[in-house]
């Protein structure tokens, strides 16, 4: 599996029952509503005021905007973050994942955009050395896509599997949704169609290139002189020491 630059942020664990569970849900529901109304991630203090909960209490549940955002996105995407498809066909798994996820982008579009906005804002603050909270790290899509393409692994070289995994992560996310809607003005249905079309093209290319790579025989080893004549390589100068000595 390709390695991530940062480990994705994990959502706070909600209390199971009682007053704590009710308070957690109240704060989270309020945050969801504020984002839908205002288009950005509110401060924890703002959520506390709107919920009529003390700030100290709110910060115990959500110590930062990052923690609040991870909970909001977990609520929005929970059904598609847990891999469920048991199909043996990798392309079918990818299709299922895209078709299950993009309708949720539509349903929770303000929350998804707000999370992206926070990530970009914190990136700038972090570069300037001004970030005063733990950053909100995205990347949960990686695990979902890893499960989806797993049946394709025997047909792909290791390098091509990683390339496909990374390429699909560009399309399987709110970023492509924003581009196709904001720049092109496309409908949600057309956004889904294009995203799936790109995913299919990427899978086709990965399979084709893997097959071509495996079908190309490695150059046969000949004597040193013959090999150098074939490749045009020059013999090492006298006095050089081979790297493996």
Protein backbone atom coordinates (compact mmCIF):
# COMPACT_ATOMS: atom_id res chain seq x y z
CA UNK A 1 0.00 0.00 0.00
CA UNK A 2 1.22 3.49 -0.86
CA UNK A 3 2.24 5.49 2.20
CA UNK A 4 0.48 8.69 3.21
CA UNK A 5 2.30 11.90 4.10
CA UNK A 6 0.16 12.31 7.23
CA UNK A 7 -2.08 10.04 9.22
CA UNK A 8 -5.73 11.10 8.75
CA UNK A 9 -7.40 12.81 11.69
CA UNK A 10 -9.58 10.51 13.77
CA UNK A 11 -13.00 11.65 15.03
CA UNK A 12 -13.64 11.84 18.77
CA UNK A 13 -15.42 8.79 20.17
CA UNK A 14 -19.00 9.75 21.07
CA UNK A 15 -20.30 8.79 24.52
CA UNK A 16 -22.63 5.80 24.37
CA UNK A 17 -25.46 6.95 26.64
CA UNK A 18 -26.77 9.43 29.15
CA UNK A 19 -26.34 13.18 29.39
CA UNK A 20 -22.87 13.08 27.83
CA UNK A 21 -24.22 11.33 24.73
CA UNK A 22 -27.03 13.87 24.45
CA UNK A 23 -24.66 16.80 24.81
CA UNK A 24 -22.27 15.40 22.23
CA UNK A 25 -25.13 14.94 19.75
CA UNK A 26 -26.49 18.43 20.45
CA UNK A 27 -23.13 20.05 19.75
CA UNK A 28 -22.56 17.99 16.63
CA UNK A 29 -26.04 18.64 15.25
CA UNK A 30 -25.58 22.36 15.92
CA UNK A 31 -22.27 22.38 14.08
CA UNK A 32 -23.86 20.58 11.11
CA UNK A 33 -26.62 23.21 11.01
CA UNK A 34 -24.24 26.17 11.30
CA UNK A 35 -22.10 24.85 8.47
CA UNK A 36 -25.15 24.38 6.26
CA UNK A 37 -26.27 27.93 7.03
CA UNK A 38 -22.96 29.76 6.88
CA UNK A 39 -20.72 27.63 4.68
CA UNK A 40 -17.72 27.38 7.00
CA UNK A 41 -16.60 25.49 10.09
CA UNK A 42 -17.68 27.48 13.15
CA UNK A 43 -15.53 27.94 16.23
CA UNK A 44 -16.20 25.63 19.14
CA UNK A 45 -17.23 28.69 21.16
CA UNK A 46 -19.83 29.61 18.52
CA UNK A 47 -21.27 26.09 18.62
CA UNK A 48 -21.42 26.28 22.41
CA UNK A 49 -23.33 29.56 22.37
CA UNK A 50 -25.83 28.34 19.78
CA UNK A 51 -26.31 25.09 21.72
CA UNK A 52 -26.70 26.96 25.03
CA UNK A 53 -23.86 24.92 26.49
CA UNK A 54 -20.93 26.36 28.39
CA UNK A 55 -17.73 26.81 26.43
CA UNK A 56 -15.81 24.68 28.90
CA UNK A 57 -18.26 21.82 28.31
CA UNK A 58 -18.08 22.18 24.53
CA UNK A 59 -14.28 22.13 24.54
CA UNK A 60 -14.29 18.91 26.55
CA UNK A 61 -16.07 17.20 23.67
CA UNK A 62 -14.45 19.09 20.80
CA UNK A 63 -11.13 20.72 21.79
CA UNK A 64 -10.64 22.37 18.37
CA UNK A 65 -12.23 23.08 15.00
CA UNK A 66 -10.26 20.15 13.65
CA UNK A 67 -11.86 17.76 16.14
CA UNK A 68 -15.26 19.22 15.35
CA UNK A 69 -14.69 18.82 11.62
CA UNK A 70 -13.59 15.20 11.89
CA UNK A 71 -16.84 14.43 13.73
CA UNK A 72 -18.91 16.31 11.13
CA UNK A 73 -17.32 14.48 8.20
CA UNK A 74 -17.48 11.13 9.99
CA UNK A 75 -21.24 11.66 10.43
CA UNK A 76 -21.59 12.66 6.78
CA UNK A 77 -19.60 9.79 5.27
CA UNK A 78 -19.76 6.99 7.85
CA UNK A 79 -21.80 4.60 5.64
CA UNK A 80 -19.20 4.70 2.85
CA UNK A 81 -16.08 4.76 5.03
CA UNK A 82 -16.59 1.17 6.14
CA UNK A 83 -15.80 -1.10 3.17
CA UNK A 84 -18.71 -3.47 2.60
CA UNK A 85 -18.53 -4.81 -0.93
CA UNK A 86 -17.59 -8.47 -1.16
CA UNK A 87 -17.69 -8.57 -4.97
CA UNK A 88 -14.75 -10.38 -6.51
CA UNK A 89 -14.52 -7.92 -9.39
CA UNK A 90 -12.42 -4.85 -8.61
CA UNK A 91 -14.05 -2.63 -11.21
CA UNK A 92 -17.49 -3.47 -9.80
CA UNK A 93 -16.26 -2.58 -6.31
CA UNK A 94 -15.00 0.79 -7.54
CA UNK A 95 -18.34 1.41 -9.27
CA UNK A 96 -20.24 0.60 -6.08
CA UNK A 97 -18.02 2.87 -3.99
CA UNK A 98 -18.45 5.84 -6.33
CA UNK A 99 -22.19 5.36 -6.73
CA UNK A 100 -22.66 5.14 -2.96
CA UNK A 101 -20.45 8.12 -2.15
CA UNK A 102 -21.31 10.85 -4.64
CA UNK A 103 -24.97 11.08 -3.53
CA UNK A 104 -23.65 11.78 -0.03
CA UNK A 105 -21.50 14.58 -1.42
CA UNK A 106 -24.74 16.07 -2.70
CA UNK A 107 -26.52 15.59 0.63
CA UNK A 108 -23.66 16.97 2.73
CA UNK A 109 -22.10 19.36 0.24
CA UNK A 110 -21.79 22.33 2.64
CA UNK A 111 -20.07 20.17 5.25
CA UNK A 112 -17.68 18.66 2.69
CA UNK A 113 -16.78 22.06 1.25
CA UNK A 114 -16.29 23.53 4.74
CA UNK A 115 -13.87 20.72 5.64
CA UNK A 116 -11.89 21.35 2.46
CA UNK A 117 -11.86 25.06 3.22
CA UNK A 118 -10.54 24.43 6.75
CA UNK A 119 -7.81 22.16 5.41
CA UNK A 120 -6.61 24.83 2.97
CA UNK A 121 -6.79 27.56 5.63
CA UNK A 122 -4.74 25.50 8.06
CA UNK A 123 -2.20 24.66 5.35
CA UNK A 124 -1.51 28.36 4.88
CA UNK A 125 -1.33 29.00 8.62
CA UNK A 126 0.99 26.03 9.13
CA UNK A 127 3.36 27.26 6.44
CA UNK A 128 3.45 30.68 8.09
CA UNK A 129 4.04 29.16 11.53
CA UNK A 130 0.74 30.59 12.78
CA UNK A 131 -1.33 27.44 13.24
CA UNK A 132 -2.45 27.20 16.87
CA UNK A 133 -4.47 23.96 16.75
CA UNK A 134 -3.74 20.47 15.59
CA UNK A 135 -4.31 20.36 11.83
CA UNK A 136 -7.24 18.61 10.26
CA UNK A 137 -5.70 15.84 8.15
CA UNK A 138 -7.71 14.27 5.35
CA UNK A 139 -7.11 10.87 3.78
CA UNK A 140 -9.76 8.38 4.90
CA UNK A 141 -10.59 7.78 1.23
CA UNK A 142 -7.35 5.80 0.95
CA UNK A 143 -8.68 2.86 2.95
CA UNK A 144 -11.97 2.77 1.05
CA UNK A 145 -10.18 2.77 -2.30
CA UNK A 146 -7.67 0.17 -1.13
CA UNK A 147 -10.55 -2.21 -0.40
CA UNK A 148 -12.21 -1.42 -3.73
CA UNK A 149 -9.19 -2.15 -5.93
CA UNK A 150 -7.94 -5.16 -3.94
CA UNK A 151 -9.33 -7.74 -6.42
CA UNK A 152 -7.39 -5.99 -9.22
CA UNK A 153 -4.04 -6.50 -7.48
CA UNK A 154 -3.15 -9.83 -9.18
CA UNK A 155 -3.54 -8.15 -12.58
CA UNK A 156 -1.40 -5.13 -11.72
CA UNK A 157 2.26 -4.61 -11.06
CA UNK A 158 2.97 -3.26 -7.59
CA UNK A 159 3.93 0.14 -8.99
CA UNK A 160 0.85 0.36 -11.17
CA UNK A 161 -1.40 -0.64 -8.28
CA UNK A 162 -0.04 2.26 -6.23
CA UNK A 163 -0.40 4.62 -9.18
CA UNK A 164 -4.02 3.58 -9.73
CA UNK A 165 -4.72 3.94 -6.01
CA UNK A 166 -3.37 7.49 -5.99
CA UNK A 167 -5.04 8.46 -9.26
CA UNK A 168 -8.45 7.29 -8.08
CA UNK A 169 -8.03 9.32 -4.88
CA UNK A 170 -7.94 12.47 -7.03
CA UNK A 171 -11.35 11.68 -8.51
CA UNK A 172 -12.96 10.08 -5.48
CA UNK A 173 -13.39 13.18 -3.38
CA UNK A 174 -15.09 16.52 -2.98
CA UNK A 175 -12.35 18.19 -5.07
CA UNK A 176 -13.58 16.81 -8.41
CA UNK A 177 -17.14 17.52 -7.32
CA UNK A 178 -16.28 21.19 -6.69
CA UNK A 179 -14.45 21.59 -10.02
CA UNK A 180 -17.21 20.07 -12.12
CA UNK A 181 -19.97 22.02 -10.36
CA UNK A 182 -18.31 25.40 -9.84
CA UNK A 183 -16.40 25.71 -13.11
CA UNK A 184 -18.62 23.73 -15.47
CA UNK A 185 -21.98 24.15 -13.75
CA UNK A 186 -22.81 20.47 -14.13
CA UNK A 187 -25.67 18.66 -12.44
CA UNK A 188 -24.98 16.20 -9.65
CA UNK A 189 -25.90 13.33 -11.95
CA UNK A 190 -23.46 14.44 -14.63
CA UNK A 191 -20.73 14.88 -12.03
CA UNK A 192 -21.25 11.24 -11.00
CA UNK A 193 -21.13 10.08 -14.62
CA UNK A 194 -17.89 11.89 -15.38
CA UNK A 195 -16.22 10.73 -12.16
CA UNK A 196 -17.14 7.13 -12.93
CA UNK A 197 -16.00 7.51 -16.54
CA UNK A 198 -12.61 8.77 -15.37
CA UNK A 199 -12.36 5.91 -12.87
CA UNK A 200 -13.04 3.40 -15.65
CA UNK A 201 -10.41 5.01 -17.86
CA UNK A 202 -7.84 4.86 -15.06
CA UNK A 203 -8.55 1.18 -14.39
CA UNK A 204 -8.27 0.39 -18.12
CA UNK A 205 -4.95 2.23 -18.36
CA UNK A 206 -3.54 0.51 -15.26
CA UNK A 207 -4.49 -2.95 -16.55
CA UNK A 208 -3.17 -2.21 -20.03
CA UNK A 209 0.15 -0.81 -18.82
CA UNK A 210 0.65 -3.66 -16.35
CA UNK A 211 0.02 -6.22 -19.07
CA UNK A 212 2.39 -4.45 -21.46
CA UNK A 213 5.08 -4.24 -18.79
CA UNK A 214 4.87 -7.94 -18.00
CA UNK A 215 4.86 -8.90 -21.68
CA UNK A 216 8.08 -7.01 -22.43
CA UNK A 217 11.02 -9.36 -21.83
CA UNK A 218 13.99 -8.06 -19.89
CA UNK A 219 17.13 -7.58 -22.03
CA UNK A 220 19.32 -10.68 -22.08
CA UNK A 221 22.69 -10.46 -20.40
CA UNK A 222 25.63 -10.91 -22.76
CA UNK A 223 29.32 -10.45 -22.33
CA UNK A 224 30.42 -7.10 -20.97
CA UNK A 225 31.78 -6.00 -24.31
CA UNK A 226 28.66 -7.01 -26.24
CA UNK A 227 26.36 -5.38 -23.72
CA UNK A 228 28.28 -2.13 -23.93
CA UNK A 229 28.25 -2.21 -27.73
CA UNK A 230 24.45 -2.76 -27.71
CA UNK A 231 23.67 0.04 -25.31
CA UNK A 232 26.40 2.43 -26.31
CA UNK A 233 27.74 2.45 -22.76
CA UNK A 234 31.42 3.11 -22.30
CA UNK A 235 33.69 0.86 -20.29
CA UNK A 236 34.57 2.26 -16.87
CA UNK A 237 37.83 4.16 -16.76
CA UNK A 238 40.82 2.42 -15.26
CA UNK A 239 41.16 2.90 -11.57
CA UNK A 240 37.40 3.12 -10.93
CA UNK A 241 36.04 0.92 -8.19
CA UNK A 242 32.81 -0.96 -8.81
CA UNK A 243 30.04 0.13 -6.48
CA UNK A 244 29.42 -3.40 -5.25
CA UNK A 245 33.00 -3.98 -4.16
